[in-house]
Structures are given as C-alpha cells and as structure tokens.
Amino acid sequence: MVLLPNPLIIWVLLKVISRLALILEYYVEFSSTNN
C-alpha cells in the first residue's frame, strides 16, 4: 500500500467520492421518478 505524502489528498478524495455518491443517488432517484 502506497502512503500518500499529504493527508489533504485523502481529505479531498473523500470529499470528491461523497460528492459523486450524492450526484449518483440524485440522478438515480430522478431517473426512476421520471420513468
């Protein structure tokens, strides 16, 4: 396992993943409701 030099990178990755999860959940809910 490669250690990241900056903890900030991990924080940014977590923020991006959570944001993508919210967008994906919203898209799935919207598409299912639109259908």
Protein backbone atom coordinates (compact mmCIF):
# COMPACT_ATOMS: atom_id res chain seq x y z
CA MET A 1 0.00 0.00 0.00
CA VAL A 2 1.41 3.36 -1.04
CA LEU A 3 1.33 6.06 1.62
CA LEU A 4 0.14 9.45 0.43
CA PRO A 5 2.55 12.28 1.31
CA ASN A 6 -0.21 14.71 2.23
CA PRO A 7 -3.30 13.94 4.38
CA LEU A 8 -5.05 16.70 2.45
CA ILE A 9 -5.09 14.41 -0.59
CA ILE A 10 -7.08 11.83 1.37
CA TRP A 11 -9.49 14.54 2.56
CA VAL A 12 -10.03 15.80 -0.99
CA LEU A 13 -10.59 12.26 -2.27
CA LEU A 14 -13.17 11.63 0.45
CA LYS A 15 -14.96 14.88 -0.42
CA VAL A 16 -14.98 14.04 -4.13
CA ILE A 17 -16.23 10.49 -3.54
CA SER A 18 -19.01 11.70 -1.26
CA ARG A 19 -19.99 14.37 -3.80
CA LEU A 20 -20.08 11.81 -6.62
CA ALA A 21 -22.17 9.49 -4.42
CA LEU A 22 -24.69 12.30 -3.80
CA ILE A 23 -24.86 13.15 -7.51
CA LEU A 24 -25.27 9.48 -8.47
CA GLU A 25 -28.00 8.95 -5.86
CA TYR A 26 -29.83 12.08 -7.06
CA TYR A 27 -29.51 11.00 -10.71
CA VAL A 28 -30.85 7.51 -9.99
CA GLU A 29 -33.77 8.90 -7.97
CA PHE A 30 -34.55 11.48 -10.68
CA SER A 31 -34.40 8.93 -13.49
CA SER A 32 -36.58 6.44 -11.61
CA THR A 33 -39.10 9.18 -10.79
CA ASN A 34 -39.05 10.46 -14.36
CA ASN A 35 -39.70 6.95 -15.61
